[in-house]
């Protein structure tokens, strides 16, 4: 089996294991993170209603200059935190989506925390 495909399968297996235990509500949404080599995506999801409450990624015009690196990931997290504050949301559940809580994923989480959102 191709090594890249095997790594993807392992991540999806971890993702299933994580998603069994967490889900988001309107008052406490799930913050889902996806990272590729080129882009970062983070969104706040209300799983009860199946609605995305807020989303930020570096494809948006405001964040075109933000690179996919640890130093810039915090900026995207802070932007999502500010959007959640505007929606009067104080707490959230963090969904790392099968990625290790390390590096870019940790920087995103720290950025959201610095905006005042609690996990």
N, C-alpha and C. Protein backbone atom coordinates (compact mmCIF):
# COMPACT_ATOMS: atom_id res chain seq x y z
N UNK A 1 0.85 -1.18 0.00
CA UNK A 1 0.00 0.00 0.00
C UNK A 1 0.89 1.24 0.00
N UNK A 2 0.45 2.22 -0.72
CA UNK A 2 1.19 3.47 -0.80
C UNK A 2 1.27 4.12 0.59
N UNK A 3 2.42 4.65 0.93
CA UNK A 3 2.64 5.23 2.26
C UNK A 3 1.72 6.41 2.54
N UNK A 4 1.49 7.25 1.54
CA UNK A 4 0.64 8.42 1.72
C UNK A 4 -0.80 8.00 2.00
N UNK A 5 -1.28 7.01 1.27
CA UNK A 5 -2.64 6.53 1.47
C UNK A 5 -2.78 5.92 2.87
N UNK A 6 -1.77 5.21 3.31
CA UNK A 6 -1.79 4.61 4.64
C UNK A 6 -1.87 5.70 5.72
N UNK A 7 -1.13 6.79 5.56
CA UNK A 7 -1.17 7.88 6.52
C UNK A 7 -2.55 8.53 6.55
N UNK A 8 -3.17 8.68 5.37
CA UNK A 8 -4.50 9.27 5.30
C UNK A 8 -5.52 8.37 6.00
N UNK A 9 -5.39 7.07 5.81
CA UNK A 9 -6.31 6.13 6.46
C UNK A 9 -6.15 6.18 7.97
N UNK A 10 -4.93 6.29 8.45
CA UNK A 10 -4.70 6.39 9.88
C UNK A 10 -5.33 7.66 10.44
N UNK A 11 -5.20 8.79 9.73
CA UNK A 11 -5.79 10.04 10.20
C UNK A 11 -7.32 9.93 10.24
N UNK A 12 -7.91 9.32 9.22
CA UNK A 12 -9.36 9.17 9.21
C UNK A 12 -9.85 8.25 10.32
N UNK A 13 -9.04 7.25 10.64
CA UNK A 13 -9.39 6.35 11.75
C UNK A 13 -9.36 7.12 13.07
N UNK A 14 -8.34 7.96 13.27
CA UNK A 14 -8.27 8.79 14.47
C UNK A 14 -9.44 9.76 14.51
N UNK A 15 -9.80 10.32 13.34
CA UNK A 15 -10.91 11.27 13.25
C UNK A 15 -12.22 10.63 13.72
N UNK A 16 -12.48 9.41 13.27
CA UNK A 16 -13.70 8.70 13.69
C UNK A 16 -13.71 8.49 15.20
N UNK A 17 -12.57 8.13 15.73
CA UNK A 17 -12.46 7.88 17.16
C UNK A 17 -12.74 9.15 17.96
N UNK A 18 -12.26 10.27 17.49
CA UNK A 18 -12.48 11.54 18.17
C UNK A 18 -13.94 11.97 18.06
N UNK A 19 -14.51 11.85 16.86
CA UNK A 19 -15.88 12.34 16.62
C UNK A 19 -16.94 11.51 17.33
N UNK A 20 -16.60 10.29 17.77
CA UNK A 20 -17.54 9.50 18.56
C UNK A 20 -17.88 10.21 19.87
N UNK A 21 -16.90 10.93 20.40
CA UNK A 21 -17.03 11.48 21.74
C UNK A 21 -17.40 12.95 21.81
N UNK A 22 -17.27 13.70 20.72
CA UNK A 22 -17.55 15.13 20.80
C UNK A 22 -18.57 15.54 19.75
N UNK A 23 -19.36 16.55 20.11
CA UNK A 23 -20.27 17.17 19.15
C UNK A 23 -20.53 18.59 19.63
N UNK A 24 -20.95 19.44 18.73
CA UNK A 24 -21.16 20.85 19.05
C UNK A 24 -22.62 21.18 19.21
N UNK A 25 -22.88 22.22 19.99
CA UNK A 25 -24.24 22.74 20.16
C UNK A 25 -24.22 24.22 19.77
N UNK A 26 -25.36 24.85 19.83
CA UNK A 26 -25.43 26.27 19.50
C UNK A 26 -24.65 27.13 20.48
N UNK A 27 -24.70 26.77 21.78
CA UNK A 27 -23.99 27.54 22.79
C UNK A 27 -22.53 27.15 22.90
N UNK A 28 -22.21 25.90 22.53
CA UNK A 28 -20.84 25.40 22.62
C UNK A 28 -20.51 24.65 21.33
N UNK A 29 -20.13 25.38 20.28
CA UNK A 29 -19.91 24.74 18.98
C UNK A 29 -18.61 23.93 18.94
N UNK A 30 -18.54 23.06 17.95
CA UNK A 30 -17.34 22.27 17.71
C UNK A 30 -16.45 23.05 16.76
N UNK A 31 -15.19 23.26 17.14
CA UNK A 31 -14.22 23.95 16.28
C UNK A 31 -13.45 22.90 15.50
N UNK A 32 -13.77 22.76 14.24
CA UNK A 32 -13.16 21.74 13.40
C UNK A 32 -12.01 22.36 12.60
N UNK A 33 -10.86 21.72 12.66
CA UNK A 33 -9.65 22.21 12.00
C UNK A 33 -9.29 21.27 10.86
N UNK A 34 -8.95 21.83 9.72
CA UNK A 34 -8.36 21.05 8.63
C UNK A 34 -7.16 21.81 8.11
N UNK A 35 -6.08 21.10 7.91
CA UNK A 35 -4.89 21.73 7.36
C UNK A 35 -4.38 20.88 6.21
N UNK A 36 -3.99 21.56 5.17
CA UNK A 36 -3.29 20.92 4.08
C UNK A 36 -1.91 21.56 4.02
N UNK A 37 -1.11 21.17 3.06
CA UNK A 37 0.21 21.79 2.95
C UNK A 37 0.10 23.26 2.55
N UNK A 38 -1.02 23.62 1.94
CA UNK A 38 -1.16 24.96 1.38
C UNK A 38 -2.14 25.86 2.13
N UNK A 39 -3.18 25.28 2.72
CA UNK A 39 -4.24 26.09 3.32
C UNK A 39 -4.59 25.59 4.72
N UNK A 40 -5.18 26.50 5.50
CA UNK A 40 -5.71 26.20 6.83
C UNK A 40 -7.19 26.55 6.84
N UNK A 41 -8.00 25.70 7.45
CA UNK A 41 -9.42 25.95 7.58
C UNK A 41 -9.82 25.68 9.02
N UNK A 42 -10.63 26.55 9.59
CA UNK A 42 -11.21 26.31 10.92
C UNK A 42 -12.63 26.84 10.90
N UNK A 43 -13.55 26.04 11.43
CA UNK A 43 -14.94 26.47 11.44
C UNK A 43 -15.61 26.03 12.73
N UNK A 44 -16.60 26.81 13.15
CA UNK A 44 -17.40 26.52 14.33
C UNK A 44 -18.72 25.92 13.85
N UNK A 45 -19.01 24.71 14.32
CA UNK A 45 -20.15 23.95 13.81
C UNK A 45 -21.13 23.63 14.93
N UNK A 46 -22.41 23.88 14.67
CA UNK A 46 -23.49 23.46 15.55
C UNK A 46 -24.01 22.13 14.99
N UNK A 47 -23.62 21.02 15.62
CA UNK A 47 -23.98 19.70 15.11
C UNK A 47 -25.45 19.35 15.31
N UNK A 48 -26.10 19.95 16.29
CA UNK A 48 -27.51 19.67 16.53
C UNK A 48 -28.36 20.13 15.35
N UNK A 49 -28.05 21.30 14.80
CA UNK A 49 -28.81 21.85 13.67
C UNK A 49 -28.11 21.66 12.34
N UNK A 50 -26.87 21.18 12.35
CA UNK A 50 -26.12 20.97 11.12
C UNK A 50 -25.75 22.28 10.43
N UNK A 51 -25.33 23.28 11.22
CA UNK A 51 -25.07 24.61 10.69
C UNK A 51 -23.65 25.04 11.05
N UNK A 52 -22.98 25.68 10.10
CA UNK A 52 -21.69 26.29 10.38
C UNK A 52 -21.95 27.72 10.87
N UNK A 53 -21.51 28.02 12.08
CA UNK A 53 -21.76 29.33 12.67
C UNK A 53 -20.75 30.38 12.20
N UNK A 54 -19.49 29.99 12.08
CA UNK A 54 -18.44 30.91 11.65
C UNK A 54 -17.31 30.08 11.04
N UNK A 55 -16.63 30.66 10.07
CA UNK A 55 -15.51 29.95 9.44
C UNK A 55 -14.46 30.95 9.00
N UNK A 56 -13.21 30.52 9.08
CA UNK A 56 -12.08 31.34 8.63
C UNK A 56 -11.09 30.42 7.94
N UNK A 57 -10.53 30.88 6.83
CA UNK A 57 -9.45 30.14 6.18
C UNK A 57 -8.55 31.13 5.46
N UNK A 58 -7.40 30.66 5.02
CA UNK A 58 -6.48 31.58 4.36
C UNK A 58 -6.70 31.64 2.86
N UNK A 59 -7.88 31.26 2.41
CA UNK A 59 -8.31 31.51 1.03
C UNK A 59 -9.09 32.82 0.95
N UNK A 60 -9.59 33.30 2.09
CA UNK A 60 -10.37 34.53 2.12
C UNK A 60 -9.46 35.72 1.83
N UNK A 61 -10.01 36.76 1.20
CA UNK A 61 -9.19 37.92 0.82
C UNK A 61 -8.45 38.58 1.98
N UNK A 62 -9.06 38.58 3.18
CA UNK A 62 -8.41 39.20 4.34
C UNK A 62 -7.17 38.44 4.79
N UNK A 63 -7.12 37.14 4.49
CA UNK A 63 -6.04 36.30 4.99
C UNK A 63 -5.17 35.70 3.88
N UNK A 64 -5.19 36.30 2.70
CA UNK A 64 -4.37 35.79 1.59
C UNK A 64 -2.88 35.80 1.93
N UNK A 65 -2.44 36.79 2.72
CA UNK A 65 -1.02 36.90 3.04
C UNK A 65 -0.60 35.95 4.16
N UNK A 66 -1.55 35.31 4.83
CA UNK A 66 -1.24 34.40 5.93
C UNK A 66 -0.77 33.07 5.35
N UNK A 67 0.39 32.64 5.79
CA UNK A 67 0.96 31.39 5.30
C UNK A 67 0.55 30.23 6.21
N UNK A 68 0.73 29.03 5.71
CA UNK A 68 0.43 27.84 6.49
C UNK A 68 1.66 27.48 7.31
N UNK A 69 1.84 28.19 8.41
CA UNK A 69 2.97 27.94 9.30
C UNK A 69 2.54 28.26 10.73
N UNK A 70 3.33 27.83 11.67
CA UNK A 70 2.99 28.01 13.08
C UNK A 70 2.87 29.49 13.43
N UNK A 71 3.76 30.31 12.89
CA UNK A 71 3.76 31.73 13.23
C UNK A 71 2.47 32.43 12.79
N UNK A 72 1.91 32.04 11.66
CA UNK A 72 0.72 32.70 11.14
C UNK A 72 -0.59 32.02 11.52
N UNK A 73 -0.54 30.78 11.99
CA UNK A 73 -1.77 30.05 12.31
C UNK A 73 -2.54 30.73 13.43
N UNK A 74 -1.84 31.35 14.36
CA UNK A 74 -2.51 32.03 15.47
C UNK A 74 -3.39 33.17 14.99
N UNK A 75 -3.02 33.83 13.89
CA UNK A 75 -3.83 34.93 13.36
C UNK A 75 -5.20 34.43 12.91
N UNK A 76 -5.22 33.27 12.28
CA UNK A 76 -6.49 32.70 11.83
C UNK A 76 -7.34 32.30 13.04
N UNK A 77 -6.71 31.72 14.06
CA UNK A 77 -7.42 31.37 15.28
C UNK A 77 -8.01 32.58 15.97
N UNK A 78 -7.24 33.66 16.04
CA UNK A 78 -7.74 34.89 16.66
C UNK A 78 -8.92 35.46 15.89
N UNK A 79 -8.88 35.37 14.56
CA UNK A 79 -9.99 35.87 13.75
C UNK A 79 -11.27 35.08 14.02
N UNK A 80 -11.15 33.76 14.14
CA UNK A 80 -12.33 32.95 14.45
C UNK A 80 -12.83 33.27 15.85
N UNK A 81 -11.91 33.45 16.78
CA UNK A 81 -12.31 33.81 18.15
C UNK A 81 -13.08 35.11 18.18
N UNK A 82 -12.64 36.09 17.39
CA UNK A 82 -13.34 37.37 17.33
C UNK A 82 -14.75 37.20 16.75
N UNK A 83 -14.89 36.35 15.74
CA UNK A 83 -16.22 36.10 15.16
C UNK A 83 -17.13 35.43 16.18
N UNK A 84 -16.58 34.49 16.95
CA UNK A 84 -17.39 33.82 17.96
C UNK A 84 -17.79 34.77 19.07
N UNK A 85 -16.90 35.68 19.46
CA UNK A 85 -17.23 36.69 20.47
C UNK A 85 -18.38 37.57 19.98
N UNK A 86 -18.36 37.90 18.69
CA UNK A 86 -19.44 38.72 18.12
C UNK A 86 -20.78 37.99 18.17
N UNK A 87 -20.74 36.63 18.15
CA UNK A 87 -21.95 35.82 18.24
C UNK A 87 -22.31 35.47 19.69
N UNK A 88 -21.59 36.07 20.66
CA UNK A 88 -21.80 35.84 22.09
C UNK A 88 -21.57 34.38 22.49
N UNK A 89 -20.55 33.76 21.91
CA UNK A 89 -20.17 32.39 22.25
C UNK A 89 -18.89 32.47 23.07
N UNK A 90 -18.91 31.87 24.25
CA UNK A 90 -17.77 31.94 25.17
C UNK A 90 -16.98 30.64 25.23
N UNK A 91 -17.64 29.49 25.00
CA UNK A 91 -16.96 28.20 25.10
C UNK A 91 -17.14 27.41 23.82
N UNK A 92 -16.25 26.46 23.59
CA UNK A 92 -16.31 25.63 22.40
C UNK A 92 -15.66 24.28 22.70
N UNK A 93 -15.84 23.35 21.79
CA UNK A 93 -15.20 22.04 21.85
C UNK A 93 -14.22 21.98 20.68
N UNK A 94 -12.98 21.58 20.94
CA UNK A 94 -11.96 21.59 19.90
C UNK A 94 -11.89 20.22 19.23
N UNK A 95 -12.03 20.19 17.92
CA UNK A 95 -11.95 18.97 17.12
C UNK A 95 -10.71 19.06 16.25
N UNK A 96 -9.68 18.30 16.59
CA UNK A 96 -8.43 18.37 15.84
C UNK A 96 -8.48 17.57 14.55
N UNK A 97 -9.59 16.86 14.32
CA UNK A 97 -9.86 16.22 13.04
C UNK A 97 -8.85 15.14 12.68
N UNK A 98 -8.29 14.47 13.68
CA UNK A 98 -7.33 13.40 13.43
C UNK A 98 -5.89 13.86 13.32
N UNK A 99 -5.66 15.17 13.31
CA UNK A 99 -4.30 15.69 13.26
C UNK A 99 -3.71 15.71 14.67
N UNK A 100 -2.39 15.61 14.77
CA UNK A 100 -1.74 15.69 16.07
C UNK A 100 -1.91 17.10 16.64
N UNK A 101 -2.12 17.18 17.95
CA UNK A 101 -2.23 18.49 18.60
C UNK A 101 -0.81 19.00 18.82
N UNK A 102 -0.25 19.54 17.76
CA UNK A 102 1.15 19.93 17.75
C UNK A 102 1.35 20.91 16.61
N UNK A 103 2.22 21.86 16.77
CA UNK A 103 2.56 22.76 15.68
C UNK A 103 1.43 23.66 15.26
N UNK A 104 1.00 23.54 14.01
CA UNK A 104 0.00 24.42 13.43
C UNK A 104 -1.35 24.28 14.13
N UNK A 105 -1.76 23.05 14.42
CA UNK A 105 -3.05 22.82 15.07
C UNK A 105 -3.04 23.44 16.47
N UNK A 106 -1.95 23.30 17.19
CA UNK A 106 -1.83 23.90 18.52
C UNK A 106 -1.82 25.42 18.43
N UNK A 107 -1.15 25.97 17.43
CA UNK A 107 -1.12 27.43 17.25
C UNK A 107 -2.52 27.98 16.95
N UNK A 108 -3.31 27.26 16.14
CA UNK A 108 -4.69 27.67 15.89
C UNK A 108 -5.49 27.70 17.19
N UNK A 109 -5.36 26.64 17.98
CA UNK A 109 -6.09 26.56 19.25
C UNK A 109 -5.66 27.69 20.19
N UNK A 110 -4.37 27.97 20.26
CA UNK A 110 -3.89 29.04 21.12
C UNK A 110 -4.40 30.41 20.65
N UNK A 111 -4.52 30.59 19.34
CA UNK A 111 -5.07 31.82 18.81
C UNK A 111 -6.53 32.03 19.21
N UNK A 112 -7.31 30.96 19.16
CA UNK A 112 -8.71 31.04 19.58
C UNK A 112 -8.80 31.34 21.06
N UNK A 113 -7.94 30.69 21.84
CA UNK A 113 -7.92 30.93 23.29
C UNK A 113 -7.55 32.37 23.61
N UNK A 114 -6.59 32.92 22.86
CA UNK A 114 -6.16 34.29 23.14
C UNK A 114 -7.27 35.30 22.85
N UNK A 115 -8.25 34.91 22.02
CA UNK A 115 -9.39 35.78 21.74
C UNK A 115 -10.44 35.68 22.85
N UNK A 116 -10.24 34.76 23.80
CA UNK A 116 -11.15 34.67 24.94
C UNK A 116 -12.13 33.50 24.91
N UNK A 117 -11.97 32.58 23.98
CA UNK A 117 -12.85 31.41 23.90
C UNK A 117 -12.23 30.29 24.74
N UNK A 118 -13.05 29.61 25.55
CA UNK A 118 -12.55 28.54 26.42
C UNK A 118 -12.90 27.18 25.82
N UNK A 119 -11.96 26.25 25.97
CA UNK A 119 -12.20 24.86 25.53
C UNK A 119 -12.45 24.00 26.75
